[in-house]
Amino acid sequence: MYKLVFLNQGKVYEIYSERVDSSHLYGFIEAARLVFETGARVVVDPTEERLRAEFADTEKLLLPLQSVIRIEQVNKRGKCAIRDRSSGEKVTPLPLDGPGRKS
């Protein structure tokens, strides 16, 4: 199991993958078999749900080398996260069009 930490659209993503290799495309890292929490839970982590939805149909994730911050081989999967690039604080994705807001 691998923990991948990389930059994506100004945020730092932390996700898990069962396989990480150098890509046949020069300058890319290939991650396959992304791992997200499974099973029914009462408490739903909105970050985990957002990442699961974003990468739902992804077979292989090709990351440019310059976006990769860190790759760790770990014994078990931790929590996936999206962090603010400058502060490092976890970003909780909330809907922007909440009650009372008009688009």
PDB file of N, CA and C in Angstrom:
ATOM      1  N   MET A   1       0.853  -1.173   0.000  1.00  0.00           N
ATOM      2  CA  MET A   1       0.000   0.000   0.000  1.00  0.00           C
ATOM      3  C   MET A   1       0.898   1.235   0.000  1.00  0.00           C
ATOM      4  N   TYR A   2       0.499   2.228  -0.790  1.00  0.00           N
ATOM      5  CA  TYR A   2       1.276   3.460  -0.910  1.00  0.00           C
ATOM      6  C   TYR A   2       0.399   4.672  -0.583  1.00  0.00           C
ATOM      7  N   LYS A   3       0.982   5.622   0.114  1.00  0.00           N
ATOM      8  CA  LYS A   3       0.342   6.904   0.362  1.00  0.00           C
ATOM      9  C   LYS A   3       0.953   7.893  -0.625  1.00  0.00           C
ATOM     10  N   LEU A   4       0.114   8.518  -1.435  1.00  0.00           N
ATOM     11  CA  LEU A   4       0.564   9.491  -2.431  1.00  0.00           C
ATOM     12  C   LEU A   4       0.161  10.882  -1.974  1.00  0.00           C
ATOM     13  N   VAL A   5       1.112  11.782  -1.933  1.00  0.00           N
ATOM     14  CA  VAL A   5       0.847  13.178  -1.592  1.00  0.00           C
ATOM     15  C   VAL A   5       1.277  13.998  -2.801  1.00  0.00           C
ATOM     16  N   PHE A   6       0.309  14.726  -3.381  1.00  0.00           N
ATOM     17  CA  PHE A   6       0.613  15.466  -4.608  1.00  0.00           C
ATOM     18  C   PHE A   6      -0.229  16.732  -4.693  1.00  0.00           C
ATOM     19  N   LEU A   7       0.223  17.655  -5.517  1.00  0.00           N
ATOM     20  CA  LEU A   7      -0.508  18.905  -5.762  1.00  0.00           C
ATOM     21  C   LEU A   7      -1.524  18.701  -6.870  1.00  0.00           C
ATOM     22  N   ASN A   8      -2.728  19.223  -6.642  1.00  0.00           N
ATOM     23  CA  ASN A   8      -3.775  19.155  -7.650  1.00  0.00           C
ATOM     24  C   ASN A   8      -4.639  20.401  -7.522  1.00  0.00           C
ATOM     25  N   GLN A   9      -4.626  21.247  -8.539  1.00  0.00           N
ATOM     26  CA  GLN A   9      -5.432  22.460  -8.603  1.00  0.00           C
ATOM     27  C   GLN A   9      -5.272  23.326  -7.355  1.00  0.00           C
ATOM     28  N   GLY A  10      -4.034  23.520  -6.923  1.00  0.00           N
ATOM     29  CA  GLY A  10      -3.733  24.403  -5.805  1.00  0.00           C
ATOM     30  C   GLY A  10      -3.938  23.797  -4.431  1.00  0.00           C
ATOM     31  N   LYS A  11      -4.331  22.544  -4.355  1.00  0.00           N
ATOM     32  CA  LYS A  11      -4.523  21.845  -3.086  1.00  0.00           C
ATOM     33  C   LYS A  11      -3.560  20.658  -3.013  1.00  0.00           C
ATOM     34  N   VAL A  12      -3.313  20.199  -1.787  1.00  0.00           N
ATOM     35  CA  VAL A  12      -2.470  19.022  -1.579  1.00  0.00           C
ATOM     36  C   VAL A  12      -3.394  17.837  -1.325  1.00  0.00           C
ATOM     37  N   TYR A  13      -3.331  16.831  -2.190  1.00  0.00           N
ATOM     38  CA  TYR A  13      -4.149  15.632  -2.070  1.00  0.00           C
ATOM     39  C   TYR A  13      -3.332  14.532  -1.404  1.00  0.00           C
ATOM     40  N   GLU A  14      -3.978  13.772  -0.529  1.00  0.00           N
ATOM     41  CA  GLU A  14      -3.372  12.588   0.093  1.00  0.00           C
ATOM     42  C   GLU A  14      -4.315  11.425  -0.177  1.00  0.00           C
ATOM     43  N   ILE A  15      -3.877  10.482  -1.020  1.00  0.00           N
ATOM     44  CA  ILE A  15      -4.701   9.319  -1.344  1.00  0.00           C
ATOM     45  C   ILE A  15      -3.840   8.062  -1.237  1.00  0.00           C
ATOM     46  N   TYR A  16      -4.491   6.909  -1.345  1.00  0.00           N
ATOM     47  CA  TYR A  16      -3.803   5.626  -1.202  1.00  0.00           C
ATOM     48  C   TYR A  16      -3.993   4.785  -2.452  1.00  0.00           C
ATOM     49  N   SER A  17      -2.955   4.008  -2.762  1.00  0.00           N
ATOM     50  CA  SER A  17      -2.955   3.175  -3.949  1.00  0.00           C
ATOM     51  C   SER A  17      -2.257   1.851  -3.630  1.00  0.00           C
ATOM     52  N   GLU A  18      -2.705   0.795  -4.282  1.00  0.00           N
ATOM     53  CA  GLU A  18      -2.057  -0.501  -4.086  1.00  0.00           C
ATOM     54  C   GLU A  18      -0.807  -0.658  -4.939  1.00  0.00           C
ATOM     55  N   ARG A  19      -0.696   0.146  -6.007  1.00  0.00           N
ATOM     56  CA  ARG A  19       0.463  -0.005  -6.891  1.00  0.00           C
ATOM     57  C   ARG A  19       0.933   1.363  -7.373  1.00  0.00           C
ATOM     58  N   VAL A  20       2.247   1.566  -7.322  1.00  0.00           N
ATOM     59  CA  VAL A  20       2.875   2.783  -7.848  1.00  0.00           C
ATOM     60  C   VAL A  20       4.096   2.364  -8.658  1.00  0.00           C
ATOM     61  N   ASP A  21       4.200   2.875  -9.876  1.00  0.00           N
ATOM     62  CA  ASP A  21       5.320   2.550 -10.768  1.00  0.00           C
ATOM     63  C   ASP A  21       5.725   3.801 -11.534  1.00  0.00           C
ATOM     64  N   SER A  22       6.897   3.724 -12.146  1.00  0.00           N
ATOM     65  CA  SER A  22       7.248   4.776 -13.096  1.00  0.00           C
ATOM     66  C   SER A  22       6.416   4.500 -14.350  1.00  0.00           C
ATOM     67  N   SER A  23       5.991   5.547 -14.999  1.00  0.00           N
ATOM     68  CA  SER A  23       5.113   5.419 -16.150  1.00  0.00           C
ATOM     69  C   SER A  23       5.925   5.226 -17.425  1.00  0.00           C
ATOM     70  N   HIS A  24       5.277   4.658 -18.427  1.00  0.00           N
ATOM     71  CA  HIS A  24       5.903   4.573 -19.742  1.00  0.00           C
ATOM     72  C   HIS A  24       5.957   5.951 -20.400  1.00  0.00           C
ATOM     73  N   LEU A  25       5.186   6.910 -19.865  1.00  0.00           N
ATOM     74  CA  LEU A  25       5.247   8.292 -20.332  1.00  0.00           C
ATOM     75  C   LEU A  25       6.315   9.021 -19.527  1.00  0.00           C
ATOM     76  N   TYR A  26       7.294   9.573 -20.186  1.00  0.00           N
ATOM     77  CA  TYR A  26       8.410  10.239 -19.517  1.00  0.00           C
ATOM     78  C   TYR A  26       7.911  11.379 -18.632  1.00  0.00           C
ATOM     79  N   GLY A  27       8.386  11.406 -17.381  1.00  0.00           N
ATOM     80  CA  GLY A  27       8.052  12.488 -16.470  1.00  0.00           C
ATOM     81  C   GLY A  27       6.791  12.267 -15.643  1.00  0.00           C
ATOM     82  N   PHE A  28       6.248  11.056 -15.652  1.00  0.00           N
ATOM     83  CA  PHE A  28       5.036  10.758 -14.902  1.00  0.00           C
ATOM     84  C   PHE A  28       5.234   9.566 -13.967  1.00  0.00           C
ATOM     85  N   ILE A  29       4.483   9.566 -12.878  1.00  0.00           N
ATOM     86  CA  ILE A  29       4.379   8.442 -11.957  1.00  0.00           C
ATOM     87  C   ILE A  29       2.993   7.845 -12.160  1.00  0.00           C
ATOM     88  N   GLU A  30       2.907   6.529 -12.190  1.00  0.00           N
ATOM     89  CA  GLU A  30       1.634   5.848 -12.407  1.00  0.00           C
ATOM     90  C   GLU A  30       1.157   5.199 -11.113  1.00  0.00           C
ATOM     91  N   ALA A  31      -0.061   5.499 -10.704  1.00  0.00           N
ATOM     92  CA  ALA A  31      -0.676   4.879  -9.532  1.00  0.00           C
ATOM     93  C   ALA A  31      -1.916   4.123 -10.002  1.00  0.00           C
ATOM     94  N   ALA A  32      -2.037   2.872  -9.565  1.00  0.00           N
ATOM     95  CA  ALA A  32      -3.178   2.045  -9.962  1.00  0.00           C
ATOM     96  C   ALA A  32      -3.826   1.435  -8.731  1.00  0.00           C
ATOM     97  N   ARG A  33      -5.076   1.054  -8.905  1.00  0.00           N
ATOM     98  CA  ARG A  33      -5.873   0.457  -7.830  1.00  0.00           C
ATOM     99  C   ARG A  33      -5.940   1.386  -6.616  1.00  0.00           C
ATOM    100  N   LEU A  34      -6.545   2.540  -6.829  1.00  0.00           N
ATOM    101  CA  LEU A  34      -6.737   3.502  -5.743  1.00  0.00           C
ATOM    102  C   LEU A  34      -7.632   2.888  -4.678  1.00  0.00           C
ATOM    103  N   VAL A  35      -7.329   3.186  -3.410  1.00  0.00           N
ATOM    104  CA  VAL A  35      -8.046   2.567  -2.291  1.00  0.00           C
ATOM    105  C   VAL A  35      -8.770   3.632  -1.487  1.00  0.00           C
ATOM    106  N   PHE A  36     -10.080   3.452  -1.358  1.00  0.00           N
ATOM    107  CA  PHE A  36     -10.910   4.328  -0.545  1.00  0.00           C
ATOM    108  C   PHE A  36     -11.632   3.490   0.480  1.00  0.00           C
ATOM    109  N   GLU A  37     -12.105   4.132   1.538  1.00  0.00           N
ATOM    110  CA  GLU A  37     -12.820   3.420   2.589  1.00  0.00           C
ATOM    111  C   GLU A  37     -14.094   2.812   2.013  1.00  0.00           C
ATOM    112  N   THR A  38     -14.373   1.588   2.424  1.00  0.00           N
ATOM    113  CA  THR A  38     -15.579   0.916   1.954  1.00  0.00           C
ATOM    114  C   THR A  38     -16.457   0.543   3.141  1.00  0.00           C
ATOM    115  N   GLY A  39     -17.659   0.177   2.850  1.00  0.00           N
ATOM    116  CA  GLY A  39     -18.578  -0.237   3.901  1.00  0.00           C
ATOM    117  C   GLY A  39     -19.482   0.903   4.314  1.00  0.00           C
ATOM    118  N   ALA A  40     -20.604   0.535   4.871  1.00  0.00           N
ATOM    119  CA  ALA A  40     -21.579   1.532   5.314  1.00  0.00           C
ATOM    120  C   ALA A  40     -21.177   2.073   6.679  1.00  0.00           C
ATOM    121  N   ARG A  41     -21.185   3.377   6.790  1.00  0.00           N
ATOM    122  CA  ARG A  41     -20.882   4.031   8.053  1.00  0.00           C
ATOM    123  C   ARG A  41     -21.925   5.100   8.302  1.00  0.00           C
ATOM    124  N   VAL A  42     -22.187   5.341   9.568  1.00  0.00           N
ATOM    125  CA  VAL A  42     -23.139   6.386   9.926  1.00  0.00           C
ATOM    126  C   VAL A  42     -22.519   7.751   9.688  1.00  0.00           C
ATOM    127  N   VAL A  43     -21.268   7.932  10.100  1.00  0.00           N
ATOM    128  CA  VAL A  43     -20.565   9.191   9.914  1.00  0.00           C
ATOM    129  C   VAL A  43     -19.856   9.143   8.568  1.00  0.00           C
ATOM    130  N   VAL A  44     -20.189  10.089   7.699  1.00  0.00           N
ATOM    131  CA  VAL A  44     -19.598  10.130   6.368  1.00  0.00           C
ATOM    132  C   VAL A  44     -18.582  11.259   6.322  1.00  0.00           C
ATOM    133  N   ASP A  45     -17.359  10.931   5.884  1.00  0.00           N
ATOM    134  CA  ASP A  45     -16.310  11.936   5.733  1.00  0.00           C
ATOM    135  C   ASP A  45     -16.500  12.595   4.371  1.00  0.00           C
ATOM    136  N   PRO A  46     -16.847  13.891   4.316  1.00  0.00           N
ATOM    137  CA  PRO A  46     -17.102  14.536   3.028  1.00  0.00           C
ATOM    138  C   PRO A  46     -15.874  14.574   2.122  1.00  0.00           C
ATOM    139  N   THR A  47     -14.676  14.630   2.715  1.00  0.00           N
ATOM    140  CA  THR A  47     -13.460  14.638   1.910  1.00  0.00           C
ATOM    141  C   THR A  47     -13.281  13.299   1.217  1.00  0.00           C
ATOM    142  N   GLU A  48     -13.458  12.226   1.955  1.00  0.00           N
ATOM    143  CA  GLU A  48     -13.350  10.875   1.396  1.00  0.00           C
ATOM    144  C   GLU A  48     -14.372  10.679   0.275  1.00  0.00           C
ATOM    145  N   GLU A  49     -15.592  11.141   0.495  1.00  0.00           N
ATOM    146  CA  GLU A  49     -16.643  11.012  -0.512  1.00  0.00           C
ATOM    147  C   GLU A  49     -16.300  11.811  -1.770  1.00  0.00           C
ATOM    148  N   ARG A  50     -15.762  13.016  -1.582  1.00  0.00           N
ATOM    149  CA  ARG A  50     -15.391  13.839  -2.736  1.00  0.00           C
ATOM    150  C   ARG A  50     -14.282  13.172  -3.548  1.00  0.00           C
ATOM    151  N   LEU A  51     -13.264  12.634  -2.854  1.00  0.00           N
ATOM    152  CA  LEU A  51     -12.167  11.972  -3.551  1.00  0.00           C
ATOM    153  C   LEU A  51     -12.649  10.703  -4.258  1.00  0.00           C
ATOM    154  N   ARG A  52     -13.506   9.946  -3.589  1.00  0.00           N
ATOM    155  CA  ARG A  52     -14.050   8.728  -4.203  1.00  0.00           C
ATOM    156  C   ARG A  52     -14.814   9.085  -5.479  1.00  0.00           C
ATOM    157  N   ALA A  53     -15.617  10.150  -5.436  1.00  0.00           N
ATOM    158  CA  ALA A  53     -16.377  10.577  -6.611  1.00  0.00           C
ATOM    159  C   ALA A  53     -15.453  11.101  -7.708  1.00  0.00           C
ATOM    160  N   GLU A  54     -14.452  11.879  -7.326  1.00  0.00           N
ATOM    161  CA  GLU A  54     -13.526  12.454  -8.312  1.00  0.00           C
ATOM    162  C   GLU A  54     -12.748  11.379  -9.063  1.00  0.00           C
ATOM    163  N   PHE A  55     -12.357  10.320  -8.364  1.00  0.00           N
ATOM    164  CA  PHE A  55     -11.537   9.270  -8.975  1.00  0.00           C
ATOM    165  C   PHE A  55     -12.330   7.977  -9.212  1.00  0.00           C
ATOM    166  N   ALA A  56     -13.655   8.059  -9.277  1.00  0.00           N
ATOM    167  CA  ALA A  56     -14.521   6.881  -9.376  1.00  0.00           C
ATOM    168  C   ALA A  56     -14.185   5.990 -10.568  1.00  0.00           C
ATOM    169  N   ASP A  57     -13.949   6.552 -11.714  1.00  0.00           N
ATOM    170  CA  ASP A  57     -13.710   5.759 -12.924  1.00  0.00           C
ATOM    171  C   ASP A  57     -12.244   5.682 -13.309  1.00  0.00           C
ATOM    172  N   THR A  58     -11.359   5.977 -12.371  1.00  0.00           N
ATOM    173  CA  THR A  58      -9.932   6.012 -12.664  1.00  0.00           C
ATOM    174  C   THR A  58      -9.310   4.624 -12.551  1.00  0.00           C
ATOM    175  N   GLU A  59      -8.744   4.136 -13.655  1.00  0.00           N
ATOM    176  CA  GLU A  59      -8.006   2.868 -13.631  1.00  0.00           C
ATOM    177  C   GLU A  59      -6.561   3.112 -13.217  1.00  0.00           C
ATOM    178  N   LYS A  60      -5.950   4.105 -13.853  1.00  0.00           N
ATOM    179  CA  LYS A  60      -4.576   4.491 -13.552  1.00  0.00           C
ATOM    180  C   LYS A  60      -4.521   6.000 -13.427  1.00  0.00           C
ATOM    181  N   LEU A  61      -3.821   6.464 -12.424  1.00  0.00           N
ATOM    182  CA  LEU A  61      -3.635   7.891 -12.220  1.00  0.00           C
ATOM    183  C   LEU A  61      -2.199   8.216 -12.621  1.00  0.00           C
ATOM    184  N   LEU A  62      -2.038   9.090 -13.605  1.00  0.00           N
ATOM    185  CA  LEU A  62      -0.715   9.503 -14.053  1.00  0.00           C
ATOM    186  C   LEU A  62      -0.431  10.884 -13.485  1.00  0.00           C
ATOM    187  N   LEU A  63       0.565  10.952 -12.612  1.00  0.00           N
ATOM    188  CA  LEU A  63       0.908  12.204 -11.938  1.00  0.00           C
ATOM    189  C   LEU A  63       2.216  12.751 -12.492  1.00  0.00           C
ATOM    190  N   PRO A  64       2.229  14.022 -12.910  1.00  0.00           N
ATOM    191  CA  PRO A  64       3.492  14.619 -13.348  1.00  0.00           C
ATOM    192  C   PRO A  64       4.484  14.635 -12.186  1.00  0.00           C
ATOM    193  N   LEU A  65       5.735  14.328 -12.459  1.00  0.00           N
ATOM    194  CA  LEU A  65       6.751  14.279 -11.396  1.00  0.00           C
ATOM    195  C   LEU A  65       6.788  15.551 -10.567  1.00  0.00           C
ATOM    196  N   GLN A  66       6.620  16.712 -11.207  1.00  0.00           N
ATOM    197  CA  GLN A  66       6.722  17.974 -10.482  1.00  0.00           C
ATOM    198  C   GLN A  66       5.558  18.199  -9.526  1.00  0.00           C
ATOM    199  N   SER A  67       4.452  17.442  -9.663  1.00  0.00           N
ATOM    200  CA  SER A  67       3.327  17.594  -8.744  1.00  0.00           C
ATOM    201  C   SER A  67       3.440  16.671  -7.531  1.00  0.00           C
ATOM    202  N   VAL A  68       4.306  15.660  -7.603  1.00  0.00           N
ATOM    203  CA  VAL A  68       4.432  14.693  -6.512  1.00  0.00           C
ATOM    204  C   VAL A  68       5.282  15.284  -5.391  1.00  0.00           C
ATOM    205  N   ILE A  69       4.719  15.304  -4.196  1.00  0.00           N
ATOM    206  CA  ILE A  69       5.436  15.792  -3.026  1.00  0.00           C
ATOM    207  C   ILE A  69       6.117  14.633  -2.322  1.00  0.00           C
ATOM    208  N   ARG A  70       5.374  13.512  -2.212  1.00  0.00           N
ATOM    209  CA  ARG A  70       5.900  12.394  -1.439  1.00  0.00           C
ATOM    210  C   ARG A  70       5.141  11.108  -1.784  1.00  0.00           C
ATOM    211  N   ILE A  71       5.865   9.998  -1.756  1.00  0.00           N
ATOM    212  CA  ILE A  71       5.267   8.676  -1.886  1.00  0.00           C
ATOM    213  C   ILE A  71       5.809   7.836  -0.746  1.00  0.00           C
ATOM    214  N   GLU A  72       4.911   7.276   0.066  1.00  0.00           N
ATOM    215  CA  GLU A  72       5.318   6.447   1.198  1.00  0.00           C
ATOM    216  C   GLU A  72       4.737   5.048   1.039  1.00  0.00           C
ATOM    217  N   GLN A  73       5.532   4.037   1.345  1.00  0.00           N
ATOM    218  CA  GLN A  73       4.988   2.690   1.429  1.00  0.00           C
ATOM    219  C   GLN A  73       4.537   2.497   2.870  1.00  0.00           C
ATOM    220  N   VAL A  74       3.260   2.153   3.062  1.00  0.00           N
ATOM    221  CA  VAL A  74       2.678   2.061   4.402  1.00  0.00           C
ATOM    222  C   VAL A  74       2.093   0.667   4.624  1.00  0.00           C
ATOM    223  N   ASN A  75       1.898   0.310   5.898  1.00  0.00           N
ATOM    224  CA  ASN A  75       1.329  -0.992   6.235  1.00  0.00           C
ATOM    225  C   ASN A  75      -0.177  -1.039   6.078  1.00  0.00           C
ATOM    226  N   LYS A  76      -0.843   0.089   6.348  1.00  0.00           N
ATOM    227  CA  LYS A  76      -2.300   0.128   6.205  1.00  0.00           C
ATOM    228  C   LYS A  76      -2.739   1.511   5.750  1.00  0.00           C
ATOM    229  N   ARG A  77      -3.944   1.556   5.236  1.00  0.00           N
ATOM    230  CA  ARG A  77      -4.486   2.796   4.711  1.00  0.00           C
ATOM    231  C   ARG A  77      -4.917   3.707   5.846  1.00  0.00           C
ATOM    232  N   GLY A  78      -4.590   4.971   5.707  1.00  0.00           N
ATOM    233  CA  GLY A  78      -5.048   5.983   6.645  1.00  0.00           C
ATOM    234  C   GLY A  78      -6.196   6.753   6.024  1.00  0.00           C
ATOM    235  N   LYS A  79      -6.449   7.932   6.539  1.00  0.00           N
ATOM    236  CA  LYS A  79      -7.521   8.773   6.006  1.00  0.00           C
ATOM    237  C   LYS A  79      -7.023   9.556   4.798  1.00  0.00           C
ATOM    238  N   CYS A  80      -7.831   9.596   3.769  1.00  0.00           N
ATOM    239  CA  CYS A  80      -7.540  10.441   2.615  1.00  0.00           C
ATOM    240  C   CYS A  80      -7.827  11.886   3.022  1.00  0.00           C
ATOM    241  N   ALA A  81      -7.122  12.826   2.393  1.00  0.00           N
ATOM    242  CA  ALA A  81      -7.307  14.227   2.778  1.00  0.00           C
ATOM    243  C   ALA A  81      -7.052  15.146   1.593  1.00  0.00           C
ATOM    244  N   ILE A  82      -7.636  16.317   1.696  1.00  0.00           N
ATOM    245  CA  ILE A  82      -7.318  17.433   0.808  1.00  0.00           C
ATOM    246  C   ILE A  82      -6.901  18.561   1.736  1.00  0.00           C
ATOM    247  N   ARG A  83      -5.701  19.084   1.532  1.00  0.00           N
ATOM    248  CA  ARG A  83      -5.161  20.114   2.416  1.00  0.00           C
ATOM    249  C   ARG A  83      -4.898  21.405   1.654  1.00  0.00           C
ATOM    250  N   ASP A  84      -4.945  22.512   2.395  1.00  0.00           N
ATOM    251  CA  ASP A  84      -4.582  23.811   1.845  1.00  0.00           C
ATOM    252  C   ASP A  84      -3.084  23.811   1.577  1.00  0.00           C
ATOM    253  N   ARG A  85      -2.689  24.286   0.427  1.00  0.00           N
ATOM    254  CA  ARG A  85      -1.279  24.253   0.029  1.00  0.00           C
ATOM    255  C   ARG A  85      -0.381  25.067   0.954  1.00  0.00           C
ATOM    256  N   SER A  86      -0.836  26.237   1.378  1.00  0.00           N
ATOM    257  CA  SER A  86       0.025  27.113   2.180  1.00  0.00           C
ATOM    258  C   SER A  86      -0.009  26.790   3.667  1.00  0.00           C
ATOM    259  N   SER A  87      -1.187  26.522   4.229  1.00  0.00           N
ATOM    260  CA  SER A  87      -1.272  26.290   5.677  1.00  0.00           C
ATOM    261  C   SER A  87      -1.141  24.822   6.061  1.00  0.00           C
ATOM    262  N   GLY A  88      -1.465  23.909   5.150  1.00  0.00           N
ATOM    263  CA  GLY A  88      -1.429  22.490   5.458  1.00  0.00           C
ATOM    264  C   GLY A  88      -2.652  21.994   6.198  1.00  0.00           C
ATOM    265  N   GLU A  89      -3.612  22.903   6.454  1.00  0.00           N
ATOM    266  CA  GLU A  89      -4.826  22.510   7.165  1.00  0.00           C
ATOM    267  C   GLU A  89      -5.758  21.745   6.234  1.00  0.00           C
ATOM    268  N   LYS A  90      -6.476  20.787   6.805  1.00  0.00           N
ATOM    269  CA  LYS A  90      -7.406  19.974   6.038  1.00  0.00           C
ATOM    270  C   LYS A  90      -8.554  20.838   5.530  1.00  0.00           C
ATOM    271  N   VAL A  91      -8.877  20.663   4.261  1.00  0.00           N
ATOM    272  CA  VAL A  91      -9.965  21.385   3.622  1.00  0.00           C
ATOM    273  C   VAL A  91     -11.174  20.463   3.615  1.00  0.00           C
ATOM    274  N   THR A  92     -12.294  20.945   4.145  1.00  0.00           N
ATOM    275  CA  THR A  92     -13.534  20.171   4.114  1.00  0.00           C
ATOM    276  C   THR A  92     -14.400  20.718   2.997  1.00  0.00           C
ATOM    277  N   PRO A  93     -14.621  19.913   1.961  1.00  0.00           N
ATOM    278  CA  PRO A  93     -15.429  20.397   0.846  1.00  0.00           C
ATOM    279  C   PRO A  93     -16.896  20.492   1.238  1.00  0.00           C
ATOM    280  N   LEU A  94     -17.413  21.679   1.263  1.00  0.00           N
ATOM    281  CA  LEU A  94     -18.819  21.897   1.571  1.00  0.00           C
ATOM    282  C   LEU A  94     -19.501  22.463   0.335  1.00  0.00           C
ATOM    283  N   PRO A  95     -20.776  22.184   0.170  1.00  0.00           N
ATOM    284  CA  PRO A  95     -21.467  22.744  -0.998  1.00  0.00           C
ATOM    285  C   PRO A  95     -21.483  24.263  -0.937  1.00  0.00           C
ATOM    286  N   LEU A  96     -21.261  24.894  -2.068  1.00  0.00           N
ATOM    287  CA  LEU A  96     -21.239  26.351  -2.131  1.00  0.00           C
ATOM    288  C   LEU A  96     -22.640  26.943  -2.231  1.00  0.00           C
ATOM    289  N   ASP A  97     -23.587  26.144  -2.651  1.00  0.00           N
ATOM    290  CA  ASP A  97     -24.950  26.659  -2.812  1.00  0.00           C
ATOM    291  C   ASP A  97     -25.856  26.144  -1.685  1.00  0.00           C
ATOM    292  N   GLY A  98     -25.509  26.509  -0.479  1.00  0.00           N
ATOM    293  CA  GLY A  98     -26.267  26.088   0.700  1.00  0.00           C
ATOM    294  C   GLY A  98     -27.613  26.779   0.781  1.00  0.00           C
ATOM    295  N   PRO A  99     -28.374  26.519   1.843  1.00  0.00           N
ATOM    296  CA  PRO A  99     -29.698  27.119   1.986  1.00  0.00           C
ATOM    297  C   PRO A  99     -29.628  28.653   1.954  1.00  0.00           C
ATOM    298  N   GLY A 100     -30.557  29.236   1.241  1.00  0.00           N
ATOM    299  CA  GLY A 100     -30.640  30.685   1.199  1.00  0.00           C
ATOM    300  C   GLY A 100     -29.728  31.355   0.189  1.00  0.00           C
ATOM    301  N   ARG A 101     -28.846  30.596  -0.482  1.00  0.00           N
ATOM    302  CA  ARG A 101     -27.962  31.187  -1.486  1.00  0.00           C
ATOM    303  C   ARG A 101     -28.531  30.930  -2.864  1.00  0.00           C
ATOM    304  N   LYS A 102     -28.482  31.948  -3.698  1.00  0.00           N
ATOM    305  CA  LYS A 102     -28.968  31.811  -5.056  1.00  0.00           C
ATOM    306  C   LYS A 102     -27.795  31.770  -6.013  1.00  0.00           C
ATOM    307  N   SER A 103     -27.916  30.955  -7.048  1.00  0.00           N
ATOM    308  CA  SER A 103     -26.844  30.822  -8.028  1.00  0.00           C
ATOM    309  C   SER A 103     -26.899  31.924  -9.044  1.00  0.00           C
TER     310      SER A 103
END
